[in-house]
Amino acid sequence: MQTATHPTPGFADQKPGTSGLRKKTRVFLTPMYLETFVQAIFDATGGAAGRTYVVGGDGRYFNDRAVQVIVRMAAANGAARVIVGQGGILSTPAASHLIRLRGTDGGIILSASHNPGGIDEDFGIKFNMPNGGPAPEAVTEAIFARAKAPGEYRILEGQDIDLNTLGETTLGQMVVEVVDPVTDYAALMETLFDFAAIRSMFAGGFRMRFDAMHAVTGPYATEILERRLGAAPGTVINKLPLPDFGGGHPDPNPTWARVLMDEMMGPGAPDFGAASDGDGDRNMIVGAGCYVSPSDSLAVLAEHAAVAPGYAGGLKGIARSMPTSGAADRVAAALGIPAFETPTGWKFFGNLLDAGRATICGEESFGTGSDHVREKDGLWAVLLWLNILAATGKSVSTLLADHWARFGRTYYSRHDYEAVDKSVADALVADLRAALPGLPGQSLSGMTIASADDFAYTDPVDGSTSAQQGIRIGFADGSRLVLRLSGTGTEGATLRLYLERYEPDPARQAAEVQQALAR
């Protein structure tokens, strides 16, 4: 094989968002587009010479071709070893674990997470650091600076290599190691949770349904839930990962996981239901006739985490993204541990986790995780819920009711406005920012505005700052309104509006969510 060097004009649209670079797949199919960004990753992080990387993705359309390109570029740039998931497949949390387990110099993860897949849908790529977490802003800015400038990329030209057979091969001077994508991750889960107690619960007739949404967690859930924990065959549905996710939208929420929701809300529902997304880092939790919001899930998991062996020593702290409800803050106060509020984006949790200041983290966008990796982890959250159910003997609905009775209930809702004209969205946000100083003291729908600001975050570990992270309007009764521009869309702008109302009185905690927020 020959190493070739090709000129690239640079691409001004390759600025990574909160979860790497996401574009329509056809954009990534543009000549030199993927290659330019991959070369920028290597160049902006000190070069690939002598280094080891983890590479894999969620199996969406173009994943297989992109992995081949990345591996050949790593070889041409002098990398010593690339560790690839079999068939180019690795869930995002499994990739994070593998980076940490093998002490690599980072990883390149291919996914657009919960976005749909296909030639006319979405694709994504991001770089994860040696700690297993997403690259911080300083690194992504350096990658963008390199990607947008004219330059060149290097690639080893030749035939595709076999990524389906486990073991080691060589590509030029580089070792390519193909690993089972599930084994190491499953072994980690066994160290964190009481598998014997969960197996006993399933053996006693406990029923569950897990919707893998034809995404990457199908093989992981099948191995862990059905084979290692003894859940009934067929517990995992839509288990085969497909390039277009079976024509569906791999977003684990009540809208897109409709088949699961209909079963869980219908007669004879299983005791527990869950779903995960395209790359396996998000989760939805459902009980029989009972939906659990992500904010409540984070709070309940934090409240009961100590029943799991991996967290028996207690939590060091709880962190949540700013738009996530304050439910977890009240748990932290009861446990006597710190509560942190960060901007949206899992990379902001990394410093807290590395410094040992937080153990469990969560985002309202169906992401929850802990210090076992440096990404959110959908299947981890499902297993912690199962451990809690096995340890307490309570149902999902009872756990929620007990939690609300103790801590109060936070009614919460998010409204998304997607593909908005960017100039219109930017003007709206600018007008709101300008109005913020005059809002405190005003009345809105009978509620007094107590505070209004544009959230800015100063990292308590390294002192770095992130400004303009979302508009917050707080009311005197503890209710809250948040508006922010999201960085996960691939077309136009995405505006997210979050509504939150706190209800401490158990007698008033049974209302339907939208009804409670309309009061």
Protein backbone atom coordinates (compact mmCIF):
# COMPACT_ATOMS: atom_id res chain seq x y z
CA MET A 1 0.00 0.00 0.00
CA GLN A 2 1.16 3.51 -0.84
CA THR A 3 0.81 6.61 1.33
CA ALA A 4 -0.78 9.42 -0.65
CA THR A 5 -1.03 13.10 0.20
CA HIS A 6 -3.98 15.05 -1.18
CA PRO A 7 -4.66 18.80 -1.01
CA THR A 8 -7.85 19.99 0.68
CA PRO A 9 -9.43 23.44 0.39
CA GLY A 10 -10.68 23.39 3.98
CA PHE A 11 -14.33 23.54 4.97
CA ALA A 12 -15.74 26.54 6.83
CA ASP A 13 -18.76 24.55 8.06
CA GLN A 14 -16.79 22.00 10.11
CA LYS A 15 -17.22 23.67 13.49
CA PRO A 16 -18.12 20.92 16.02
CA GLY A 17 -21.22 21.37 18.16
CA THR A 18 -21.94 20.01 21.63
CA SER A 19 -21.50 16.43 20.35
CA GLY A 20 -18.96 16.73 17.56
CA LEU A 21 -19.55 17.46 13.88
CA ARG A 22 -23.02 16.51 12.64
CA LYS A 23 -24.24 17.04 9.09
CA LYS A 24 -26.44 15.40 6.54
CA THR A 25 -24.85 12.18 5.27
CA ARG A 26 -24.59 13.57 1.75
CA VAL A 27 -22.42 16.40 3.11
CA PHE A 28 -20.02 13.82 4.51
CA LEU A 29 -20.04 12.15 1.09
CA THR A 30 -18.63 15.34 -0.43
CA PRO A 31 -15.10 14.61 -1.71
CA MET A 32 -12.45 15.30 0.97
CA TYR A 33 -15.05 16.31 3.58
CA LEU A 34 -14.55 13.43 6.01
CA GLU A 35 -10.82 13.24 5.28
CA THR A 36 -10.34 16.94 6.04
CA PHE A 37 -11.96 16.65 9.46
CA VAL A 38 -10.09 13.46 10.40
CA GLN A 39 -6.76 15.02 9.42
CA ALA A 40 -7.70 18.07 11.48
CA ILE A 41 -8.27 15.81 14.50
CA PHE A 42 -4.80 14.32 14.16
CA ASP A 43 -3.07 17.64 13.48
CA ALA A 44 -4.85 19.61 16.21
CA THR A 45 -4.07 17.02 18.89
CA GLY A 46 -0.33 16.75 18.33
CA GLY A 47 -0.21 14.30 15.45
CA ALA A 48 -0.91 10.57 15.30
CA ALA A 49 2.66 9.29 15.18
CA GLY A 50 3.20 6.43 17.62
CA ARG A 51 -0.27 6.76 19.10
CA THR A 52 -3.12 4.33 19.73
CA TYR A 53 -6.76 5.10 18.97
CA VAL A 54 -10.15 3.47 19.43
CA VAL A 55 -12.41 3.69 16.38
CA GLY A 56 -16.05 2.66 15.98
CA GLY A 57 -19.59 3.88 15.56
CA ASP A 58 -23.27 3.14 15.76
CA GLY A 59 -23.58 1.33 12.42
CA ARG A 60 -25.62 4.00 10.66
CA TYR A 61 -25.33 4.53 6.90
CA PHE A 62 -21.72 5.36 5.89
CA ASN A 63 -20.30 4.06 9.20
CA ASP A 64 -18.54 1.13 7.49
CA ARG A 65 -16.94 3.28 4.78
CA ALA A 66 -15.91 6.01 7.23
CA VAL A 67 -14.16 3.50 9.51
CA GLN A 68 -12.11 2.21 6.59
CA VAL A 69 -11.04 5.77 5.73
CA ILE A 70 -10.14 6.62 9.32
CA VAL A 71 -8.08 3.46 9.82
CA ARG A 72 -6.11 4.06 6.59
CA MET A 73 -5.56 7.71 7.52
CA ALA A 74 -4.32 6.72 10.98
CA ALA A 75 -1.81 4.37 9.35
CA ALA A 76 -0.63 7.07 6.92
CA ASN A 77 -0.19 9.49 9.83
CA GLY A 78 2.06 7.06 11.71
CA ALA A 79 -0.28 5.67 14.36
CA ALA A 80 1.04 2.56 16.12
CA ARG A 81 -2.28 0.83 16.73
CA VAL A 82 -5.99 1.24 16.07
CA ILE A 83 -8.51 -0.74 18.11
CA VAL A 84 -11.74 -1.21 16.14
CA GLY A 85 -15.05 -2.71 17.18
CA GLN A 86 -15.96 -5.75 15.09
CA GLY A 87 -17.64 -4.61 11.89
CA GLY A 88 -16.80 -1.02 12.83
CA ILE A 89 -19.38 -1.13 15.64
CA LEU A 90 -18.97 0.36 19.12
CA SER A 91 -21.55 2.04 21.30
CA THR A 92 -20.41 5.45 22.55
CA PRO A 93 -20.17 4.37 26.22
CA ALA A 94 -18.37 1.16 25.21
CA ALA A 95 -15.88 3.22 23.20
CA SER A 96 -15.32 5.51 26.19
CA HIS A 97 -14.68 2.48 28.39
CA LEU A 98 -12.30 0.93 25.86
CA ILE A 99 -10.29 4.17 25.63
CA ARG A 100 -9.90 4.15 29.40
CA LEU A 101 -9.37 0.41 29.78
CA ARG A 102 -6.61 0.26 27.18
CA GLY A 103 -5.04 3.61 28.04
CA THR A 104 -5.22 4.87 24.46
CA ASP A 105 -4.53 8.36 23.15
CA GLY A 106 -8.21 8.91 22.41
CA GLY A 107 -10.88 7.68 20.08
CA ILE A 108 -12.84 8.65 17.00
CA ILE A 109 -16.54 7.89 17.39
CA LEU A 110 -18.96 7.91 14.48
CA SER A 111 -22.53 8.75 15.35
CA ALA A 112 -25.26 11.34 15.14
CA SER A 113 -26.70 9.87 18.35
CA HIS A 114 -30.51 9.99 18.34
CA ASN A 115 -30.75 11.56 14.86
CA PRO A 116 -32.12 9.36 12.04
CA GLY A 117 -29.74 7.53 9.70
CA GLY A 118 -29.59 6.95 5.94
CA ILE A 119 -28.14 8.57 2.86
CA ASP A 120 -30.65 11.43 3.16
CA GLU A 121 -30.44 11.63 6.96
CA ASP A 122 -27.66 12.38 9.44
CA PHE A 123 -24.08 11.39 10.18
CA GLY A 124 -21.60 12.53 12.79
CA ILE A 125 -18.02 12.25 14.01
CA LYS A 126 -16.31 13.34 17.20
CA PHE A 127 -13.00 12.95 18.99
CA ASN A 128 -12.83 11.65 22.55
CA MET A 129 -9.87 12.40 24.76
CA PRO A 130 -7.62 9.90 26.61
CA ASN A 131 -9.94 10.14 29.63
CA GLY A 132 -12.71 8.71 27.43
CA GLY A 133 -14.72 11.93 27.33
CA PRO A 134 -15.65 14.28 24.48
CA ALA A 135 -13.02 16.82 23.48
CA PRO A 136 -13.33 20.11 25.40
CA GLU A 137 -13.99 23.38 23.65
CA ALA A 138 -10.31 24.32 23.40
CA VAL A 139 -9.64 21.13 21.43
CA THR A 140 -12.72 21.37 19.21
CA GLU A 141 -11.82 24.98 18.40
CA ALA A 142 -8.33 23.87 17.41
CA ILE A 143 -9.80 21.12 15.22
CA PHE A 144 -12.07 23.64 13.52
CA ALA A 145 -9.22 26.09 12.95
CA ARG A 146 -7.27 23.36 11.18
CA ALA A 147 -10.27 22.01 9.24
CA LYS A 148 -11.36 25.33 7.76
CA ALA A 149 -7.92 26.23 6.42
CA PRO A 150 -6.48 24.94 3.13
CA GLY A 151 -4.07 22.08 3.68
CA GLU A 152 -3.64 18.42 2.93
CA TYR A 153 -4.53 15.00 4.24
CA ARG A 154 -2.63 11.73 4.24
CA ILE A 155 -4.09 8.30 3.57
CA LEU A 156 -2.84 4.81 2.88
CA GLU A 157 -4.37 3.82 -0.43
CA GLY A 158 -5.37 0.25 -1.17
CA GLN A 159 -8.01 -2.40 -0.53
CA ASP A 160 -10.38 -2.45 2.42
CA ILE A 161 -9.18 -4.37 5.43
CA ASP A 162 -11.14 -7.13 7.16
CA LEU A 163 -12.93 -5.62 10.16
CA ASN A 164 -15.22 -8.60 10.73
CA THR A 165 -12.64 -11.09 11.99
CA LEU A 166 -11.45 -10.75 15.59
CA GLY A 167 -7.72 -10.44 16.11
CA GLU A 168 -4.73 -8.43 14.89
CA THR A 169 -3.55 -7.58 11.39
CA THR A 170 -1.11 -5.02 10.09
CA LEU A 171 -1.76 -2.09 7.81
CA GLY A 172 1.55 -0.63 6.70
CA GLN A 173 3.45 -0.25 9.97
CA MET A 174 0.27 0.00 12.08
CA VAL A 175 -1.46 -2.78 14.02
CA VAL A 176 -5.21 -3.04 13.51
CA GLU A 177 -6.87 -4.87 16.41
CA VAL A 178 -10.49 -5.94 15.89
CA VAL A 179 -12.29 -6.58 19.20
CA ASP A 180 -15.69 -7.85 20.25
CA PRO A 181 -17.62 -4.62 20.89
CA VAL A 182 -19.64 -6.06 23.79
CA THR A 183 -17.30 -8.17 25.94
CA ASP A 184 -15.31 -5.51 27.82
CA TYR A 185 -18.38 -3.34 28.40
CA ALA A 186 -20.43 -6.24 29.76
CA ALA A 187 -17.60 -7.18 32.11
CA LEU A 188 -17.58 -3.61 33.46
CA MET A 189 -21.32 -3.73 34.14
CA GLU A 190 -20.87 -6.91 36.19
CA THR A 191 -18.50 -5.02 38.52
CA LEU A 192 -21.03 -2.24 39.13
CA PHE A 193 -24.31 -4.06 39.67
CA ASP A 194 -25.66 -6.99 41.65
CA PHE A 195 -26.26 -9.36 38.76
CA ALA A 196 -27.25 -12.17 41.14
CA ALA A 197 -30.09 -10.11 42.64
CA ILE A 198 -31.30 -9.04 39.20
CA ARG A 199 -31.17 -12.64 37.94
CA SER A 200 -33.22 -13.72 40.94
CA MET A 201 -35.80 -11.02 40.19
CA PHE A 202 -36.16 -12.23 36.60
CA ALA A 203 -36.34 -15.85 37.77
CA GLY A 204 -39.21 -14.84 40.05
CA GLY A 205 -41.36 -13.75 37.11
CA PHE A 206 -40.32 -10.12 36.67
CA ARG A 207 -41.04 -9.06 33.08
CA MET A 208 -39.28 -6.44 31.02
CA ARG A 209 -39.25 -5.00 27.50
CA PHE A 210 -36.21 -3.25 26.02
CA ASP A 211 -36.49 -1.45 22.67
CA ALA A 212 -33.09 -1.25 20.99
CA MET A 213 -34.68 0.73 18.12
CA HIS A 214 -32.60 -1.15 15.51
CA ALA A 215 -29.60 0.74 16.88
CA VAL A 216 -26.28 -0.16 18.43
CA THR A 217 -27.49 -1.39 21.85
CA GLY A 218 -29.24 -4.44 20.41
CA PRO A 219 -26.21 -6.75 20.80
CA TYR A 220 -25.30 -5.24 24.19
CA ALA A 221 -28.80 -5.57 25.63
CA THR A 222 -29.25 -9.09 24.28
CA GLU A 223 -25.97 -10.28 25.80
CA ILE A 224 -26.48 -8.63 29.19
CA LEU A 225 -30.25 -8.79 29.75
CA GLU A 226 -31.16 -12.09 28.12
CA ARG A 227 -27.95 -14.13 28.35
CA ARG A 228 -26.27 -12.92 31.55
CA LEU A 229 -29.29 -11.83 33.59
CA GLY A 230 -31.80 -14.41 32.40
CA ALA A 231 -34.52 -12.13 31.05
CA ALA A 232 -36.95 -14.04 28.85
CA PRO A 233 -36.01 -14.48 25.18
CA GLY A 234 -37.66 -11.68 23.23
CA THR A 235 -37.21 -9.17 26.05
CA VAL A 236 -35.07 -7.14 23.63
CA ILE A 237 -37.03 -6.01 20.59
CA ASN A 238 -35.75 -4.31 17.42
CA LYS A 239 -32.38 -5.80 18.36
CA LEU A 240 -30.69 -5.89 14.93
CA PRO A 241 -28.67 -2.72 14.21
CA LEU A 242 -29.58 -1.37 10.75
CA PRO A 243 -27.98 1.46 8.71
CA ASP A 244 -31.29 3.35 8.62
CA PHE A 245 -32.51 2.14 12.04
CA GLY A 246 -35.29 0.26 10.32
CA GLY A 247 -36.64 3.49 8.85
CA GLY A 248 -37.32 4.80 12.34
CA HIS A 249 -35.96 7.60 14.46
CA PRO A 250 -33.55 6.18 17.10
CA ASP A 251 -34.60 8.63 19.79
CA PRO A 252 -35.77 6.95 23.02
CA ASN A 253 -38.74 9.12 23.90
CA PRO A 254 -42.51 8.54 24.02
CA THR A 255 -42.96 9.75 20.46
CA TRP A 256 -40.42 7.59 18.67
CA ALA A 257 -40.56 4.54 20.96
CA ARG A 258 -44.31 4.35 20.42
CA VAL A 259 -44.52 0.55 20.21
CA LEU A 260 -42.86 0.26 23.61
CA MET A 261 -45.03 3.00 25.11
CA ASP A 262 -48.24 1.39 23.84
CA GLU A 263 -47.26 -1.92 25.43
CA MET A 264 -46.22 -0.34 28.73
CA MET A 265 -49.40 1.72 28.99
CA GLY A 266 -51.69 -1.12 27.90
CA PRO A 267 -53.28 -4.05 29.73
CA GLY A 268 -50.93 -6.75 30.97
CA ALA A 269 -47.90 -4.48 30.63
CA PRO A 270 -44.46 -5.75 31.66
CA ASP A 271 -43.11 -4.56 35.01
CA PHE A 272 -40.40 -2.46 33.43
CA GLY A 273 -39.66 -0.94 30.04
CA ALA A 274 -36.68 0.86 28.56
CA ALA A 275 -35.26 2.07 25.27
CA SER A 276 -31.92 3.36 24.06
CA ASP A 277 -30.80 5.47 21.13
CA GLY A 278 -28.63 5.28 18.02
CA ASP A 279 -25.24 5.10 19.72
CA GLY A 280 -26.36 3.76 23.09
CA ASP A 281 -25.76 6.78 25.29
CA ARG A 282 -29.38 7.74 26.01
CA ASN A 283 -32.22 5.97 27.77
CA MET A 284 -35.94 6.12 28.41
CA ILE A 285 -37.42 4.49 31.50
CA VAL A 286 -41.04 3.34 31.75
CA GLY A 287 -42.96 1.37 34.35
CA ALA A 288 -46.28 -0.37 33.90
CA GLY A 289 -48.60 2.56 33.19
CA CYS A 290 -45.91 4.97 34.36
CA TYR A 291 -43.52 7.16 32.35
CA VAL A 292 -40.38 8.45 34.11
CA SER A 293 -39.04 11.81 32.95
CA PRO A 294 -35.24 11.95 32.50
CA SER A 295 -34.95 14.57 35.25
CA ASP A 296 -36.87 12.37 37.69
CA SER A 297 -34.87 9.33 36.60
CA LEU A 298 -31.61 11.09 37.49
CA ALA A 299 -32.99 12.05 40.90
CA VAL A 300 -34.30 8.55 41.72
CA LEU A 301 -31.07 6.89 40.58
CA ALA A 302 -29.05 9.24 42.77
CA GLU A 303 -31.36 8.66 45.75
CA HIS A 304 -30.98 4.86 45.60
CA ALA A 305 -27.58 4.36 43.91
CA ALA A 306 -25.96 2.98 47.05
CA VAL A 307 -27.91 -0.30 46.71
CA ALA A 308 -25.63 -1.18 43.76
CA PRO A 309 -22.20 -2.59 44.66
CA GLY A 310 -20.37 -0.09 42.48
CA TYR A 311 -21.86 2.81 44.45
CA ALA A 312 -22.12 1.29 47.91
CA GLY A 313 -19.63 3.82 49.26
CA GLY A 314 -21.95 6.69 48.42
CA LEU A 315 -21.84 9.47 45.87
CA LYS A 316 -19.25 12.24 45.78
CA GLY A 317 -21.59 14.66 44.05
CA ILE A 318 -24.38 14.99 41.50
CA ALA A 319 -24.12 17.06 38.32
CA ARG A 320 -26.89 18.06 35.91
CA SER A 321 -27.08 20.19 32.81
CA MET A 322 -28.64 23.61 33.32
CA PRO A 323 -31.93 22.84 31.50
CA THR A 324 -32.42 19.65 33.56
CA SER A 325 -34.88 20.11 36.43
CA GLY A 326 -33.69 20.81 39.96
CA ALA A 327 -35.03 17.48 41.29
CA ALA A 328 -31.53 16.02 41.67
CA ASP A 329 -30.38 19.10 43.60
CA ARG A 330 -32.79 18.24 46.41
CA VAL A 331 -31.41 14.70 46.56
CA ALA A 332 -27.89 16.06 46.78
CA ALA A 333 -28.92 18.34 49.65
CA ALA A 334 -30.46 15.40 51.52
CA LEU A 335 -27.33 13.30 51.01
CA GLY A 336 -25.08 16.18 52.06
CA ILE A 337 -23.10 16.17 48.80
CA PRO A 338 -22.44 18.89 46.20
CA ALA A 339 -24.81 19.58 43.31
CA PHE A 340 -23.37 21.05 40.11
CA GLU A 341 -25.19 22.86 37.28
CA THR A 342 -23.31 22.81 33.97
CA PRO A 343 -23.99 23.83 30.37
CA THR A 344 -25.53 21.25 28.05
CA GLY A 345 -22.98 18.80 26.65
CA TRP A 346 -21.45 15.81 28.38
CA LYS A 347 -17.95 17.25 28.00
CA PHE A 348 -18.74 19.69 30.83
CA PHE A 349 -19.10 16.80 33.28
CA GLY A 350 -15.63 15.43 32.47
CA ASN A 351 -13.60 17.66 34.78
CA LEU A 352 -15.97 17.04 37.69
CA LEU A 353 -15.75 13.27 37.19
CA ASP A 354 -11.97 13.26 36.72
CA ALA A 355 -11.52 15.38 39.85
CA GLY A 356 -13.70 13.06 41.91
CA ARG A 357 -16.22 15.80 42.64
CA ALA A 358 -19.23 14.09 41.02
CA THR A 359 -20.29 10.46 40.67
CA ILE A 360 -23.62 10.60 38.81
CA CYS A 361 -24.53 13.04 36.05
CA GLY A 362 -27.59 13.61 33.92
CA GLU A 363 -29.24 15.66 31.20
CA GLU A 364 -32.92 16.19 30.51
CA SER A 365 -32.34 14.94 26.96
CA PHE A 366 -32.51 11.31 28.14
CA GLY A 367 -28.84 11.08 29.10
CA THR A 368 -27.59 9.66 32.40
CA GLY A 369 -24.23 8.28 33.46
CA SER A 370 -21.59 8.00 36.15
CA ASP A 371 -17.85 8.01 36.70
CA HIS A 372 -17.48 4.49 35.25
CA VAL A 373 -16.96 6.12 31.81
CA ARG A 374 -16.85 9.68 30.50
CA GLU A 375 -20.00 9.53 28.41
CA LYS A 376 -23.65 9.17 29.21
CA ASP A 377 -24.66 5.51 29.14
CA GLY A 378 -28.16 4.29 28.33
CA LEU A 379 -27.77 0.64 29.26
CA TRP A 380 -25.96 1.56 32.50
CA ALA A 381 -29.03 3.57 33.56
CA VAL A 382 -31.31 0.64 32.75
CA LEU A 383 -29.17 -1.72 34.82
CA LEU A 384 -29.09 0.66 37.80
CA TRP A 385 -32.88 0.88 37.66
CA LEU A 386 -33.06 -2.94 37.60
CA ASN A 387 -30.69 -3.13 40.59
CA ILE A 388 -32.85 -0.67 42.51
CA LEU A 389 -36.04 -2.55 41.66
CA ALA A 390 -34.44 -5.83 42.78
CA ALA A 391 -33.08 -4.33 46.02
CA THR A 392 -36.25 -2.49 47.07
CA GLY A 393 -38.90 -4.87 45.76
CA LYS A 394 -40.92 -1.81 44.72
CA SER A 395 -42.50 -1.01 41.37
CA VAL A 396 -41.43 1.94 39.23
CA SER A 397 -44.60 3.86 40.09
CA THR A 398 -44.12 3.27 43.83
CA LEU A 399 -40.51 4.42 43.69
CA LEU A 400 -41.62 7.62 41.96
CA ALA A 401 -44.46 8.26 44.39
CA ASP A 402 -42.18 7.72 47.37
CA HIS A 403 -39.57 10.03 45.87
CA TRP A 404 -42.09 12.82 45.27
CA ALA A 405 -43.53 12.45 48.77
CA ARG A 406 -40.06 12.91 50.24
CA PHE A 407 -38.55 15.53 47.93
CA GLY A 408 -41.52 17.12 46.17
CA ARG A 409 -42.44 16.74 42.51
CA THR A 410 -41.01 18.81 39.67
CA TYR A 411 -43.40 19.03 36.74
CA TYR A 412 -41.28 19.41 33.65
CA SER A 413 -41.67 19.68 29.87
CA ARG A 414 -39.49 20.49 26.86
CA HIS A 415 -40.76 21.95 23.58
CA ASP A 416 -38.56 21.78 20.47
CA TYR A 417 -38.74 24.07 17.47
CA GLU A 418 -36.54 22.55 14.78
CA ALA A 419 -35.15 23.76 11.44
CA VAL A 420 -35.89 27.37 12.38
CA ASP A 421 -34.38 30.04 10.14
CA LYS A 422 -31.08 30.78 11.89
CA SER A 423 -31.33 34.55 11.50
CA VAL A 424 -34.81 34.52 13.07
CA ALA A 425 -33.69 32.32 15.96
CA ASP A 426 -30.61 34.44 16.62
CA ALA A 427 -32.71 37.65 16.59
CA LEU A 428 -35.21 36.16 19.04
CA VAL A 429 -32.49 35.14 21.48
CA ALA A 430 -30.74 38.51 21.13
CA ASP A 431 -33.97 40.39 21.91
CA LEU A 432 -34.57 38.24 25.01
CA ARG A 433 -31.01 38.79 26.21
CA ALA A 434 -31.48 42.54 25.89
CA ALA A 435 -34.69 42.39 27.93
CA LEU A 436 -33.29 40.30 30.81
CA PRO A 437 -32.18 43.16 33.14
CA GLY A 438 -35.72 44.57 33.27
CA LEU A 439 -37.58 41.31 33.93
CA PRO A 440 -37.09 40.69 37.70
CA GLY A 441 -40.06 41.99 39.65
CA GLN A 442 -42.46 41.76 36.72
CA SER A 443 -45.49 39.48 36.76
CA LEU A 444 -46.10 36.81 34.12
CA SER A 445 -49.38 34.86 34.18
CA GLY A 446 -49.79 35.74 37.83
CA MET A 447 -46.26 34.63 38.78
CA THR A 448 -43.54 37.03 39.91
CA ILE A 449 -40.22 36.86 38.10
CA ALA A 450 -37.48 36.58 40.71
CA SER A 451 -34.44 36.26 38.45
CA ALA A 452 -33.45 36.45 34.78
CA ASP A 453 -30.05 35.80 33.26
CA ASP A 454 -28.08 34.25 30.42
CA PHE A 455 -26.41 31.25 32.04
CA ALA A 456 -22.62 31.41 32.25
CA TYR A 457 -20.52 28.62 33.71
CA THR A 458 -17.16 28.75 35.40
CA ASP A 459 -15.62 25.29 35.69
CA PRO A 460 -14.81 24.72 39.38
CA VAL A 461 -11.85 22.50 38.46
CA ASP A 462 -9.91 24.40 35.80
CA GLY A 463 -11.53 27.86 35.97
CA SER A 464 -12.54 27.92 32.30
CA THR A 465 -15.68 29.84 31.44
CA SER A 466 -18.56 29.28 29.02
CA ALA A 467 -20.92 32.18 28.40
CA GLN A 468 -24.37 32.51 26.78
CA GLN A 469 -25.42 28.94 27.54
CA GLY A 470 -29.15 29.59 27.77
CA ILE A 471 -31.67 32.12 29.02
CA ARG A 472 -33.06 31.38 32.50
CA ILE A 473 -36.14 33.02 33.98
CA GLY A 474 -36.84 32.04 37.57
CA PHE A 475 -40.09 32.67 39.43
CA ALA A 476 -40.67 33.35 43.12
CA ASP A 477 -42.46 30.01 43.67
CA GLY A 478 -39.49 27.97 42.35
CA SER A 479 -40.85 27.57 38.83
CA ARG A 480 -38.53 28.18 35.91
CA LEU A 481 -38.46 28.87 32.18
CA VAL A 482 -35.37 28.20 30.05
CA LEU A 483 -34.75 28.94 26.37
CA ARG A 484 -31.62 27.89 24.50
CA LEU A 485 -30.29 27.21 21.04
CA SER A 486 -29.32 23.56 20.62
CA GLY A 487 -26.16 22.37 18.87
CA THR A 488 -27.39 18.90 17.87
CA GLY A 489 -29.44 19.71 14.77
CA THR A 490 -28.16 19.43 11.21
CA GLU A 491 -30.47 21.97 9.50
CA GLY A 492 -31.17 25.57 10.45
CA ALA A 493 -31.47 26.32 14.16
CA THR A 494 -33.14 24.32 16.92
CA LEU A 495 -34.81 26.29 19.73
CA ARG A 496 -35.62 24.45 22.94
CA LEU A 497 -38.05 25.79 25.53
CA TYR A 498 -38.10 24.19 28.99
CA LEU A 499 -40.89 24.67 31.53
CA GLU A 500 -40.55 23.63 35.16
CA ARG A 501 -42.87 23.89 38.19
CA TYR A 502 -42.06 22.59 41.67
CA GLU A 503 -44.85 21.10 43.78
CA PRO A 504 -43.93 20.13 47.37
CA ASP A 505 -47.47 19.16 48.46
CA PRO A 506 -48.13 15.39 47.98
CA ALA A 507 -51.85 16.13 47.69
CA ARG A 508 -51.15 18.12 44.51
CA GLN A 509 -48.68 15.74 42.86
CA ALA A 510 -51.07 13.58 40.84
CA ALA A 511 -51.87 16.11 38.11
CA GLU A 512 -51.02 15.46 34.46
CA VAL A 513 -47.79 17.23 33.53
CA GLN A 514 -49.12 19.68 30.92
CA GLN A 515 -52.12 20.46 33.10
CA ALA A 516 -49.86 21.27 36.04
CA LEU A 517 -47.62 23.48 33.90
CA ALA A 518 -50.62 25.35 32.51
CA ARG A 519 -51.74 26.52 35.94
